[in-house]
Amino acid sequence: MDYDIDKAAELALALMYLTLHDKSDFDGSCRAWKGIDFEVMNHLHEKGLILDPANKNKSVVVTPEGVKKAKDLFKTMLKNS
């Protein structure tokens, strides 16, 4: 299937906002469940929005920049008016 990887990654990041947990007191990063297509997760990692998703954990670390972008995307794409 041909699709825009940037748009898919933004939508995935917005959805990760729903599952953010375990916020770090050190740098503001959070964890999010990673049941999203690996290609999209890898793309988010390449952009510095999450740490490397290639591990055995069921969640991934969302960087502070990723948390902010996830919140902004969530508000833009999914929040009720």
C-alpha atoms as a PDB file:
ATOM      1  CA  MET A   1       0.000   0.000   0.000  1.00  0.00           C
ATOM      2  CA  ASP A   2       1.366   3.415  -0.946  1.00  0.00           C
ATOM      3  CA  TYR A   3       0.931   6.117   1.707  1.00  0.00           C
ATOM      4  CA  ASP A   4       2.531   9.307   3.008  1.00  0.00           C
ATOM      5  CA  ILE A   5       4.910   8.137   5.762  1.00  0.00           C
ATOM      6  CA  ASP A   6       5.132  11.639   7.276  1.00  0.00           C
ATOM      7  CA  LYS A   7       1.350  11.876   7.677  1.00  0.00           C
ATOM      8  CA  ALA A   8       1.195   8.326   9.062  1.00  0.00           C
ATOM      9  CA  ALA A   9       3.946   9.137  11.572  1.00  0.00           C
ATOM     10  CA  GLU A  10       2.171  12.314  12.703  1.00  0.00           C
ATOM     11  CA  LEU A  11      -1.106  10.457  13.173  1.00  0.00           C
ATOM     12  CA  ALA A  12       0.687   7.678  15.092  1.00  0.00           C
ATOM     13  CA  LEU A  13       2.360  10.255  17.345  1.00  0.00           C
ATOM     14  CA  ALA A  14      -0.992  11.938  18.009  1.00  0.00           C
ATOM     15  CA  LEU A  15      -2.471   8.547  18.970  1.00  0.00           C
ATOM     16  CA  MET A  16       0.513   7.795  21.229  1.00  0.00           C
ATOM     17  CA  TYR A  17      -0.480  10.876  23.211  1.00  0.00           C
ATOM     18  CA  LEU A  18      -3.493   8.878  24.442  1.00  0.00           C
ATOM     19  CA  THR A  19      -1.230   6.290  26.098  1.00  0.00           C
ATOM     20  CA  LEU A  20       1.538   8.487  27.552  1.00  0.00           C
ATOM     21  CA  HIS A  21       2.611   7.351  31.026  1.00  0.00           C
ATOM     22  CA  ASP A  22       5.590   7.289  33.404  1.00  0.00           C
ATOM     23  CA  LYS A  23       6.750  10.870  32.813  1.00  0.00           C
ATOM     24  CA  SER A  24      10.439  11.352  33.610  1.00  0.00           C
ATOM     25  CA  ASP A  25      11.297  13.960  36.236  1.00  0.00           C
ATOM     26  CA  PHE A  26      14.729  14.212  34.611  1.00  0.00           C
ATOM     27  CA  ASP A  27      13.908  15.337  31.071  1.00  0.00           C
ATOM     28  CA  GLY A  28      10.110  15.256  30.630  1.00  0.00           C
ATOM     29  CA  SER A  29      10.117  12.206  28.359  1.00  0.00           C
ATOM     30  CA  CYS A  30       7.257   9.713  28.698  1.00  0.00           C
ATOM     31  CA  ARG A  31       6.528   6.138  27.710  1.00  0.00           C
ATOM     32  CA  ALA A  32       3.776   5.141  25.249  1.00  0.00           C
ATOM     33  CA  TRP A  33       2.462   1.777  24.079  1.00  0.00           C
ATOM     34  CA  LYS A  34       3.972   0.832  20.731  1.00  0.00           C
ATOM     35  CA  GLY A  35       1.357  -1.233  18.901  1.00  0.00           C
ATOM     36  CA  ILE A  36       1.948   0.740  15.707  1.00  0.00           C
ATOM     37  CA  ASP A  37       3.487  -0.310  12.370  1.00  0.00           C
ATOM     38  CA  PHE A  38       7.268  -0.707  12.739  1.00  0.00           C
ATOM     39  CA  GLU A  39       8.053   1.391   9.643  1.00  0.00           C
ATOM     40  CA  VAL A  40       6.097   4.293  11.154  1.00  0.00           C
ATOM     41  CA  MET A  41       7.766   3.802  14.568  1.00  0.00           C
ATOM     42  CA  ASN A  42      11.200   3.743  12.907  1.00  0.00           C
ATOM     43  CA  HIS A  43      10.337   6.970  11.068  1.00  0.00           C
ATOM     44  CA  LEU A  44       9.420   8.650  14.381  1.00  0.00           C
ATOM     45  CA  HIS A  45      12.737   7.431  15.817  1.00  0.00           C
ATOM     46  CA  GLU A  46      14.666   8.857  12.854  1.00  0.00           C
ATOM     47  CA  LYS A  47      12.985  12.226  13.505  1.00  0.00           C
ATOM     48  CA  GLY A  48      14.063  12.124  17.175  1.00  0.00           C
ATOM     49  CA  LEU A  49      10.498  11.983  18.505  1.00  0.00           C
ATOM     50  CA  ILE A  50      10.873   8.547  20.153  1.00  0.00           C
ATOM     51  CA  LEU A  51      13.831   6.449  21.266  1.00  0.00           C
ATOM     52  CA  ASP A  52      14.736   3.293  19.341  1.00  0.00           C
ATOM     53  CA  PRO A  53      11.605   1.099  19.236  1.00  0.00           C
ATOM     54  CA  ALA A  54      13.576  -2.059  18.357  1.00  0.00           C
ATOM     55  CA  ASN A  55      13.493  -3.767  21.744  1.00  0.00           C
ATOM     56  CA  LYS A  56      11.400  -6.285  23.677  1.00  0.00           C
ATOM     57  CA  ASN A  57       9.483  -3.669  25.666  1.00  0.00           C
ATOM     58  CA  LYS A  58       5.781  -3.180  24.970  1.00  0.00           C
ATOM     59  CA  SER A  59       6.221   0.574  25.250  1.00  0.00           C
ATOM     60  CA  VAL A  60       8.609   3.123  23.783  1.00  0.00           C
ATOM     61  CA  VAL A  61      10.135   6.309  25.226  1.00  0.00           C
ATOM     62  CA  VAL A  62       8.658   9.462  23.693  1.00  0.00           C
ATOM     63  CA  THR A  63      11.245  12.259  23.847  1.00  0.00           C
ATOM     64  CA  PRO A  64      10.332  15.643  25.378  1.00  0.00           C
ATOM     65  CA  GLU A  65      10.137  17.069  21.831  1.00  0.00           C
ATOM     66  CA  GLY A  66       7.914  14.132  20.864  1.00  0.00           C
ATOM     67  CA  VAL A  67       5.622  14.700  23.866  1.00  0.00           C
ATOM     68  CA  LYS A  68       5.123  18.347  22.863  1.00  0.00           C
ATOM     69  CA  LYS A  69       4.528  17.493  19.208  1.00  0.00           C
ATOM     70  CA  ALA A  70       2.167  14.631  20.177  1.00  0.00           C
ATOM     71  CA  LYS A  71       0.099  16.999  22.320  1.00  0.00           C
ATOM     72  CA  ASP A  72      -0.051  19.620  19.554  1.00  0.00           C
ATOM     73  CA  LEU A  73      -1.015  17.028  16.917  1.00  0.00           C
ATOM     74  CA  PHE A  74      -3.623  15.499  19.212  1.00  0.00           C
ATOM     75  CA  LYS A  75      -5.234  18.914  19.745  1.00  0.00           C
ATOM     76  CA  THR A  76      -5.154  19.681  16.008  1.00  0.00           C
ATOM     77  CA  MET A  77      -6.359  16.303  14.716  1.00  0.00           C
ATOM     78  CA  LEU A  78      -8.519  14.752  17.401  1.00  0.00           C
ATOM     79  CA  LYS A  79      -9.762  17.209  20.025  1.00  0.00           C
ATOM     80  CA  ASN A  80     -13.449  18.156  19.994  1.00  0.00           C
ATOM     81  CA  SER A  81     -14.083  21.767  19.034  1.00  0.00           C
END
